[in-house]
Amino acid sequence: MKKTFVLLLCCGLMYTFANAQSVIPDPTLSEKAQKEILKTSKRLEERKLELIKLEKEVEDAKRIAVKKEKDAQVSADENVSAASKLNNDALDKTKARKARKKASKAADDAKDARKAAKKAKKLENNISSLQKKIQEDETRLAEMTHPALKK
């Protein structure tokens, strides 16, 4: 997993540098404007790296959410089975204890599944937000480096 993450990070860096807009200082721009361009391009690169990291995390989170959902379904099925066995012999303490434990496990697994799904959704929202910020930075950088592109 670490190798995959490092490989993904390296690919992201290579992609970022390959697609980075050239920030050649324009002698007609003021020093303040040049600093702003450098600052914006640096922030843009950092956000792109963060986006790569979040995309990797969301894949893992979705996979975990699906697994937790399946586990919750299995636990619920086991709970139904234990409850039906208890229904046949309601006075049996061992069956009652097993049914209670299965019900507790099913509830815990359902809670874990909800948490995992919520985490995946949150990561997707973060990715969406970060993509918007990247687009804004790219637009801002294009406007600063090419003033003729301003609306």
Foldseek 3Di string as FASTA:
>chain_A
DVVVVVVLLVVLVVVCVVPQDDLDDDPVDDPVLSVVLVVLSVVLSVLSSVLSVLVVVLVVLVVVLVVLVVVLVVLVVVLVVLVVVCVVPVVDPVSVVSNVVSVVSSVVSVVVSVVSVVVSVVSVVVSVVSVVVSVVSVVVSCCSVPVVPDD
